[in-house]
PDB file of all heavy atoms in Angstrom:
ATOM      1  N   PRO A   1      73.433 222.569 138.707  1.00  0.00           N
ATOM      2  CA  PRO A   1      73.017 221.472 139.553  1.00  0.00           C
ATOM      3  C   PRO A   1      71.453 221.433 139.700  1.00  0.00           C
ATOM      4  O   PRO A   1      70.807 222.458 139.521  1.00  0.00           O
ATOM      5  CB  PRO A   1      73.578 221.771 141.036  1.00  0.00           C
ATOM      6  CG  PRO A   1      73.791 223.308 140.950  1.00  0.00           C
ATOM      7  CD  PRO A   1      74.115 223.639 139.563  1.00  0.00           C
ATOM      8  N   ASP A   2      70.980 220.354 139.989  1.00  0.00           N
ATOM      9  CA  ASP A   2      69.506 220.041 140.232  1.00  0.00           C
ATOM     10  C   ASP A   2      68.670 220.514 138.974  1.00  0.00           C
ATOM     11  O   ASP A   2      67.533 220.929 139.089  1.00  0.00           O
ATOM     12  CB  ASP A   2      69.018 220.861 141.436  1.00  0.00           C
ATOM     13  CG  ASP A   2      69.842 220.554 142.697  1.00  0.00           C
ATOM     14  OD1 ASP A   2      69.962 219.404 143.119  1.00  0.00           O
ATOM     15  OD2 ASP A   2      70.481 221.521 143.175  1.00  0.00           O
ATOM     16  N   ASP A   3      69.247 220.271 137.753  1.00  0.00           N
ATOM     17  CA  ASP A   3      68.642 220.735 136.577  1.00  0.00           C
ATOM     18  C   ASP A   3      68.777 219.709 135.473  1.00  0.00           C
ATOM     19  O   ASP A   3      69.627 219.817 134.616  1.00  0.00           O
ATOM     20  CB  ASP A   3      69.170 222.093 136.159  1.00  0.00           C
ATOM     21  CG  ASP A   3      68.655 222.690 134.952  1.00  0.00           C
ATOM     22  OD1 ASP A   3      67.749 221.989 134.351  1.00  0.00           O
ATOM     23  OD2 ASP A   3      69.099 223.796 134.487  1.00  0.00           O
ATOM     24  N   PRO A   4      67.821 218.698 135.393  1.00  0.00           N
ATOM     25  CA  PRO A   4      67.967 217.656 134.350  1.00  0.00           C
ATOM     26  C   PRO A   4      67.994 218.225 132.965  1.00  0.00           C
ATOM     27  O   PRO A   4      68.735 217.692 132.047  1.00  0.00           O
ATOM     28  CB  PRO A   4      66.742 216.776 134.553  1.00  0.00           C
ATOM     29  CG  PRO A   4      66.376 216.905 136.036  1.00  0.00           C
ATOM     30  CD  PRO A   4      66.762 218.370 136.329  1.00  0.00           C
ATOM     31  N   ALA A   5      67.252 219.289 132.683  1.00  0.00           N
ATOM     32  CA  ALA A   5      67.208 219.867 131.384  1.00  0.00           C
ATOM     33  C   ALA A   5      68.551 220.409 130.941  1.00  0.00           C
ATOM     34  O   ALA A   5      69.145 220.252 129.906  1.00  0.00           O
ATOM     35  CB  ALA A   5      66.084 220.883 131.220  1.00  0.00           C
ATOM     36  N   GLY A   6      69.132 221.188 131.929  1.00  0.00           N
ATOM     37  CA  GLY A   6      70.359 221.838 131.621  1.00  0.00           C
ATOM     38  C   GLY A   6      71.462 220.785 131.435  1.00  0.00           C
ATOM     39  O   GLY A   6      72.346 220.892 130.666  1.00  0.00           O
ATOM     40  N   MET A   7      71.328 219.710 132.282  1.00  0.00           N
ATOM     41  CA  MET A   7      72.393 218.566 132.121  1.00  0.00           C
ATOM     42  C   MET A   7      72.230 217.937 130.781  1.00  0.00           C
ATOM     43  O   MET A   7      73.314 217.628 130.172  1.00  0.00           O
ATOM     44  CB  MET A   7      72.070 217.511 133.286  1.00  0.00           C
ATOM     45  CG  MET A   7      73.108 216.476 133.356  1.00  0.00           C
ATOM     46  SD  MET A   7      72.590 215.121 134.406  1.00  0.00           S
ATOM     47  CE  MET A   7      71.901 215.976 135.823  1.00  0.00           C
ATOM     48  N   ALA A   8      70.913 217.626 130.385  1.00  0.00           N
ATOM     49  CA  ALA A   8      70.775 217.044 129.058  1.00  0.00           C
ATOM     50  C   ALA A   8      71.424 217.898 127.917  1.00  0.00           C
ATOM     51  O   ALA A   8      72.076 217.352 127.061  1.00  0.00           O
ATOM     52  CB  ALA A   8      69.338 216.699 128.789  1.00  0.00           C
ATOM     53  N   ALA A   9      71.132 219.151 127.993  1.00  0.00           N
ATOM     54  CA  ALA A   9      71.619 220.032 126.912  1.00  0.00           C
ATOM     55  C   ALA A   9      73.212 220.102 126.925  1.00  0.00           C
ATOM     56  O   ALA A   9      73.858 220.077 125.851  1.00  0.00           O
ATOM     57  CB  ALA A   9      71.132 221.460 127.215  1.00  0.00           C
ATOM     58  N   ALA A  10      73.822 220.046 128.093  1.00  0.00           N
ATOM     59  CA  ALA A  10      75.329 220.133 128.185  1.00  0.00           C
ATOM     60  C   ALA A  10      75.895 218.814 127.643  1.00  0.00           C
ATOM     61  O   ALA A  10      76.857 218.815 126.883  1.00  0.00           O
ATOM     62  CB  ALA A  10      75.761 220.332 129.677  1.00  0.00           C
ATOM     63  N   LEU A  11      75.332 217.684 127.982  1.00  0.00           N
ATOM     64  CA  LEU A  11      75.785 216.382 127.491  1.00  0.00           C
ATOM     65  C   LEU A  11      75.583 216.247 125.971  1.00  0.00           C
ATOM     66  O   LEU A  11      76.492 215.797 125.212  1.00  0.00           O
ATOM     67  CB  LEU A  11      75.069 215.204 128.215  1.00  0.00           C
ATOM     68  CG  LEU A  11      75.417 215.094 129.709  1.00  0.00           C
ATOM     69  CD1 LEU A  11      74.460 214.115 130.326  1.00  0.00           C
ATOM     70  CD2 LEU A  11      76.838 214.712 129.982  1.00  0.00           C
ATOM     71  N   ALA A  12      74.405 216.669 125.501  1.00  0.00           N
ATOM     72  CA  ALA A  12      74.161 216.581 124.110  1.00  0.00           C
ATOM     73  C   ALA A  12      75.151 217.500 123.374  1.00  0.00           C
ATOM     74  O   ALA A  12      75.646 217.115 122.241  1.00  0.00           O
ATOM     75  CB  ALA A  12      72.721 217.088 123.763  1.00  0.00           C
ATOM     76  N   GLY A  13      75.385 218.690 123.843  1.00  0.00           N
ATOM     77  CA  GLY A  13      76.401 219.567 123.206  1.00  0.00           C
ATOM     78  C   GLY A  13      77.722 219.009 123.219  1.00  0.00           C
ATOM     79  O   GLY A  13      78.530 219.181 122.093  1.00  0.00           O
ATOM     80  N   LEU A  14      78.145 218.291 124.215  1.00  0.00           N
ATOM     81  CA  LEU A  14      79.435 217.728 124.267  1.00  0.00           C
ATOM     82  C   LEU A  14      79.544 216.547 123.225  1.00  0.00           C
ATOM     83  O   LEU A  14      80.591 216.363 122.491  1.00  0.00           O
ATOM     84  CB  LEU A  14      79.760 217.173 125.624  1.00  0.00           C
ATOM     85  CG  LEU A  14      81.183 216.868 125.978  1.00  0.00           C
ATOM     86  CD1 LEU A  14      82.166 217.967 125.614  1.00  0.00           C
ATOM     87  CD2 LEU A  14      81.326 216.601 127.500  1.00  0.00           C
ATOM     88  N   PHE A  15      78.525 215.745 123.131  1.00  0.00           N
ATOM     89  CA  PHE A  15      78.429 214.695 122.037  1.00  0.00           C
ATOM     90  C   PHE A  15      78.543 215.289 120.654  1.00  0.00           C
ATOM     91  O   PHE A  15      79.111 214.649 119.790  1.00  0.00           O
ATOM     92  CB  PHE A  15      77.261 213.719 122.287  1.00  0.00           C
ATOM     93  CG  PHE A  15      77.320 212.738 123.217  1.00  0.00           C
ATOM     94  CD1 PHE A  15      76.532 212.683 124.339  1.00  0.00           C
ATOM     95  CD2 PHE A  15      78.356 211.657 123.156  1.00  0.00           C
ATOM     96  CE1 PHE A  15      76.651 211.670 125.322  1.00  0.00           C
ATOM     97  CE2 PHE A  15      78.557 210.751 124.073  1.00  0.00           C
ATOM     98  CZ  PHE A  15      77.610 210.768 125.194  1.00  0.00           C
ATOM     99  N   ALA A  16      77.982 216.406 120.443  1.00  0.00           N
ATOM    100  CA  ALA A  16      77.844 217.022 119.170  1.00  0.00           C
ATOM    101  C   ALA A  16      79.238 217.685 118.781  1.00  0.00           C
ATOM    102  O   ALA A  16      79.420 218.057 117.546  1.00  0.00           O
ATOM    103  CB  ALA A  16      76.831 218.083 119.040  1.00  0.00           C
ATOM    104  N   ASP A  17      80.112 217.827 119.661  1.00  0.00           N
ATOM    105  CA  ASP A  17      81.398 218.606 119.386  1.00  0.00           C
ATOM    106  C   ASP A  17      82.608 217.678 119.698  1.00  0.00           C
ATOM    107  O   ASP A  17      83.516 217.981 120.454  1.00  0.00           O
ATOM    108  CB  ASP A  17      81.470 219.823 120.345  1.00  0.00           C
ATOM    109  CG  ASP A  17      82.462 220.860 119.926  1.00  0.00           C
ATOM    110  OD1 ASP A  17      82.976 220.696 118.784  1.00  0.00           O
ATOM    111  OD2 ASP A  17      82.693 221.729 120.712  1.00  0.00           O
ATOM    112  N   ARG A  18      82.616 216.581 119.004  1.00  0.00           N
ATOM    113  CA  ARG A  18      83.708 215.543 119.207  1.00  0.00           C
ATOM    114  C   ARG A  18      85.057 216.011 118.769  1.00  0.00           C
ATOM    115  O   ARG A  18      86.052 215.500 119.184  1.00  0.00           O
ATOM    116  CB  ARG A  18      83.413 214.259 118.440  1.00  0.00           C
ATOM    117  CG  ARG A  18      82.206 213.416 119.060  1.00  0.00           C
ATOM    118  CD  ARG A  18      81.840 212.166 118.214  1.00  0.00           C
ATOM    119  NE  ARG A  18      80.781 211.448 118.833  1.00  0.00           N
ATOM    120  CZ  ARG A  18      80.895 210.393 119.654  1.00  0.00           C
ATOM    121  NH1 ARG A  18      82.208 210.018 119.951  1.00  0.00           N
ATOM    122  NH2 ARG A  18      79.974 209.809 120.125  1.00  0.00           N
ATOM    123  N   GLY A  19      85.116 217.100 117.985  1.00  0.00           N
ATOM    124  CA  GLY A  19      86.337 217.652 117.572  1.00  0.00           C
ATOM    125  C   GLY A  19      87.224 218.108 118.744  1.00  0.00           C
ATOM    126  O   GLY A  19      88.463 218.231 118.556  1.00  0.00           O
ATOM    127  N   ILE A  20      86.675 218.505 119.879  1.00  0.00           N
ATOM    128  CA  ILE A  20      87.404 218.972 120.956  1.00  0.00           C
ATOM    129  C   ILE A  20      87.866 217.912 121.978  1.00  0.00           C
ATOM    130  O   ILE A  20      88.639 218.154 122.852  1.00  0.00           O
ATOM    131  CB  ILE A  20      86.662 220.036 121.775  1.00  0.00           C
ATOM    132  CG1 ILE A  20      85.436 219.360 122.532  1.00  0.00           C
ATOM    133  CG2 ILE A  20      86.104 221.154 120.920  1.00  0.00           C
ATOM    134  CD1 ILE A  20      84.793 220.280 123.537  1.00  0.00           C
ATOM    135  N   TRP A  21      87.381 216.690 121.719  1.00  0.00           N
ATOM    136  CA  TRP A  21      87.536 215.577 122.761  1.00  0.00           C
ATOM    137  C   TRP A  21      89.019 215.330 123.014  1.00  0.00           C
ATOM    138  O   TRP A  21      89.461 215.219 124.179  1.00  0.00           O
ATOM    139  CB  TRP A  21      86.823 214.355 122.356  1.00  0.00           C
ATOM    140  CG  TRP A  21      85.341 214.392 122.499  1.00  0.00           C
ATOM    141  CD1 TRP A  21      84.581 215.574 122.594  1.00  0.00           C
ATOM    142  CD2 TRP A  21      84.345 213.320 122.571  1.00  0.00           C
ATOM    143  NE1 TRP A  21      83.267 215.209 122.812  1.00  0.00           N
ATOM    144  CE2 TRP A  21      83.133 213.876 122.757  1.00  0.00           C
ATOM    145  CE3 TRP A  21      84.540 211.950 122.370  1.00  0.00           C
ATOM    146  CZ2 TRP A  21      81.993 213.039 122.786  1.00  0.00           C
ATOM    147  CZ3 TRP A  21      83.443 211.115 122.521  1.00  0.00           C
ATOM    148  CH2 TRP A  21      82.143 211.674 122.685  1.00  0.00           C
ATOM    149  N   GLU A  22      89.821 215.159 121.945  1.00  0.00           N
ATOM    150  CA  GLU A  22      91.211 214.720 122.170  1.00  0.00           C
ATOM    151  C   GLU A  22      91.960 215.788 122.916  1.00  0.00           C
ATOM    152  O   GLU A  22      92.708 215.370 123.953  1.00  0.00           O
ATOM    153  CB  GLU A  22      91.818 214.430 120.805  1.00  0.00           C
ATOM    154  CG  GLU A  22      93.261 213.918 120.940  1.00  0.00           C
ATOM    155  CD  GLU A  22      93.876 213.547 119.584  1.00  0.00           C
ATOM    156  OE1 GLU A  22      93.134 213.478 118.550  1.00  0.00           O
ATOM    157  OE2 GLU A  22      95.043 213.275 119.533  1.00  0.00           O
ATOM    158  N   ASP A  23      91.896 217.077 122.534  1.00  0.00           N
ATOM    159  CA  ASP A  23      92.582 218.065 123.321  1.00  0.00           C
ATOM    160  C   ASP A  23      92.020 218.264 124.786  1.00  0.00           C
ATOM    161  O   ASP A  23      92.852 218.355 125.673  1.00  0.00           O
ATOM    162  CB  ASP A  23      92.386 219.448 122.582  1.00  0.00           C
ATOM    163  CG  ASP A  23      93.189 219.490 121.342  1.00  0.00           C
ATOM    164  OD1 ASP A  23      94.184 218.669 121.118  1.00  0.00           O
ATOM    165  OD2 ASP A  23      93.020 220.499 120.497  1.00  0.00           O
ATOM    166  N   ARG A  24      90.779 218.117 124.862  1.00  0.00           N
ATOM    167  CA  ARG A  24      90.117 218.230 126.246  1.00  0.00           C
ATOM    168  C   ARG A  24      90.765 217.151 127.127  1.00  0.00           C
ATOM    169  O   ARG A  24      91.088 217.365 128.298  1.00  0.00           O
ATOM    170  CB  ARG A  24      88.594 218.116 126.115  1.00  0.00           C
ATOM    171  CG  ARG A  24      87.905 218.137 127.563  1.00  0.00           C
ATOM    172  CD  ARG A  24      87.769 219.435 128.149  1.00  0.00           C
ATOM    173  NE  ARG A  24      87.054 220.416 127.349  1.00  0.00           N
ATOM    174  CZ  ARG A  24      85.772 220.501 127.271  1.00  0.00           C
ATOM    175  NH1 ARG A  24      84.943 219.788 128.014  1.00  0.00           N
ATOM    176  NH2 ARG A  24      85.270 221.567 126.635  1.00  0.00           N
ATOM    177  N   ARG A  25      90.695 215.866 126.704  1.00  0.00           N
ATOM    178  CA  ARG A  25      91.297 214.728 127.455  1.00  0.00           C
ATOM    179  C   ARG A  25      92.740 215.056 127.846  1.00  0.00           C
ATOM    180  O   ARG A  25      93.173 214.761 129.051  1.00  0.00           O
ATOM    181  CB  ARG A  25      91.101 213.522 126.697  1.00  0.00           C
ATOM    182  CG  ARG A  25      89.704 212.990 126.551  1.00  0.00           C
ATOM    183  CD  ARG A  25      89.689 211.870 125.510  1.00  0.00           C
ATOM    184  NE  ARG A  25      88.416 211.145 125.407  1.00  0.00           N
ATOM    185  CZ  ARG A  25      87.967 210.535 124.265  1.00  0.00           C
ATOM    186  NH1 ARG A  25      88.705 210.520 123.214  1.00  0.00           N
ATOM    187  NH2 ARG A  25      86.789 209.986 124.372  1.00  0.00           N
ATOM    188  N   ALA A  26      93.450 215.471 126.864  1.00  0.00           N
ATOM    189  CA  ALA A  26      94.977 215.617 127.080  1.00  0.00           C
ATOM    190  C   ALA A  26      95.143 216.734 128.158  1.00  0.00           C
ATOM    191  O   ALA A  26      96.040 216.637 129.081  1.00  0.00           O
ATOM    192  CB  ALA A  26      95.619 215.982 125.813  1.00  0.00           C
ATOM    193  N   VAL A  27      94.435 217.900 128.043  1.00  0.00           N
ATOM    194  CA  VAL A  27      94.623 218.946 128.997  1.00  0.00           C
ATOM    195  C   VAL A  27      94.166 218.420 130.390  1.00  0.00           C
ATOM    196  O   VAL A  27      94.823 218.854 131.426  1.00  0.00           O
ATOM    197  CB  VAL A  27      93.751 220.146 128.544  1.00  0.00           C
ATOM    198  CG1 VAL A  27      93.686 221.183 129.656  1.00  0.00           C
ATOM    199  CG2 VAL A  27      94.341 220.726 127.323  1.00  0.00           C
ATOM    200  N   ALA A  28      93.077 217.777 130.481  1.00  0.00           N
ATOM    201  CA  ALA A  28      92.616 217.226 131.840  1.00  0.00           C
ATOM    202  C   ALA A  28      93.614 216.307 132.531  1.00  0.00           C
ATOM    203  O   ALA A  28      93.907 216.356 133.640  1.00  0.00           O
ATOM    204  CB  ALA A  28      91.250 216.586 131.634  1.00  0.00           C
ATOM    205  N   ARG A  29      94.139 215.395 131.659  1.00  0.00           N
ATOM    206  CA  ARG A  29      95.109 214.376 132.214  1.00  0.00           C
ATOM    207  C   ARG A  29      96.323 215.187 132.612  1.00  0.00           C
ATOM    208  O   ARG A  29      96.947 214.853 133.714  1.00  0.00           O
ATOM    209  CB  ARG A  29      95.405 213.397 131.188  1.00  0.00           C
ATOM    210  CG  ARG A  29      96.357 212.285 131.633  1.00  0.00           C
ATOM    211  CD  ARG A  29      96.616 211.216 130.616  1.00  0.00           C
ATOM    212  NE  ARG A  29      97.791 210.454 130.903  1.00  0.00           N
ATOM    213  CZ  ARG A  29      97.728 209.287 131.625  1.00  0.00           C
ATOM    214  NH1 ARG A  29      96.610 208.907 132.253  1.00  0.00           N
ATOM    215  NH2 ARG A  29      98.799 208.646 131.980  1.00  0.00           N
ATOM    216  N   ALA A  30      96.745 216.159 131.864  1.00  0.00           N
ATOM    217  CA  ALA A  30      98.029 216.827 132.269  1.00  0.00           C
ATOM    218  C   ALA A  30      97.788 217.656 133.570  1.00  0.00           C
ATOM    219  O   ALA A  30      98.688 217.713 134.388  1.00  0.00           O
ATOM    220  CB  ALA A  30      98.370 217.887 131.118  1.00  0.00           C
ATOM    221  N   PHE A  31      96.541 218.130 133.740  1.00  0.00           N
ATOM    222  CA  PHE A  31      96.232 218.856 135.034  1.00  0.00           C
ATOM    223  C   PHE A  31      96.387 217.831 136.171  1.00  0.00           C
ATOM    224  O   PHE A  31      96.998 218.184 137.295  1.00  0.00           O
ATOM    225  CB  PHE A  31      94.860 219.392 134.955  1.00  0.00           C
ATOM    226  CG  PHE A  31      94.257 219.692 136.341  1.00  0.00           C
ATOM    227  CD1 PHE A  31      94.613 220.834 136.972  1.00  0.00           C
ATOM    228  CD2 PHE A  31      93.301 218.803 136.944  1.00  0.00           C
ATOM    229  CE1 PHE A  31      94.129 221.105 138.263  1.00  0.00           C
ATOM    230  CE2 PHE A  31      92.761 219.144 138.176  1.00  0.00           C
ATOM    231  CZ  PHE A  31      93.178 220.261 138.841  1.00  0.00           C
ATOM    232  N   VAL A  32      95.885 216.635 136.047  1.00  0.00           N
ATOM    233  CA  VAL A  32      96.001 215.609 137.138  1.00  0.00           C
ATOM    234  C   VAL A  32      97.490 215.234 137.418  1.00  0.00           C
ATOM    235  O   VAL A  32      97.884 215.278 138.586  1.00  0.00           O
ATOM    236  CB  VAL A  32      95.276 214.458 136.843  1.00  0.00           C
ATOM    237  CG1 VAL A  32      95.379 213.306 137.914  1.00  0.00           C
ATOM    238  CG2 VAL A  32      93.710 214.751 136.744  1.00  0.00           C
ATOM    239  N   GLU A  33      98.187 215.039 136.352  1.00  0.00           N
ATOM    240  CA  GLU A  33      99.628 214.724 136.534  1.00  0.00           C
ATOM    241  C   GLU A  33     100.372 215.817 137.174  1.00  0.00           C
ATOM    242  O   GLU A  33     101.306 215.538 137.995  1.00  0.00           O
ATOM    243  CB  GLU A  33     100.208 214.416 135.143  1.00  0.00           C
ATOM    244  CG  GLU A  33      99.665 213.027 134.462  1.00  0.00           C
ATOM    245  CD  GLU A  33     100.298 212.744 133.172  1.00  0.00           C
ATOM    246  OE1 GLU A  33     100.515 213.767 132.403  1.00  0.00           O
ATOM    247  OE2 GLU A  33     100.498 211.584 132.852  1.00  0.00           O
TER     248      GLU A  33
END
């Protein structure tokens, strides 16, 4: 928190790793359900 540089790095890393997106979305949705 309170760290724009750390936030930017985390977001950039997530955009660079699109291969995990589908599984991540499915696991998160299953958690909510």
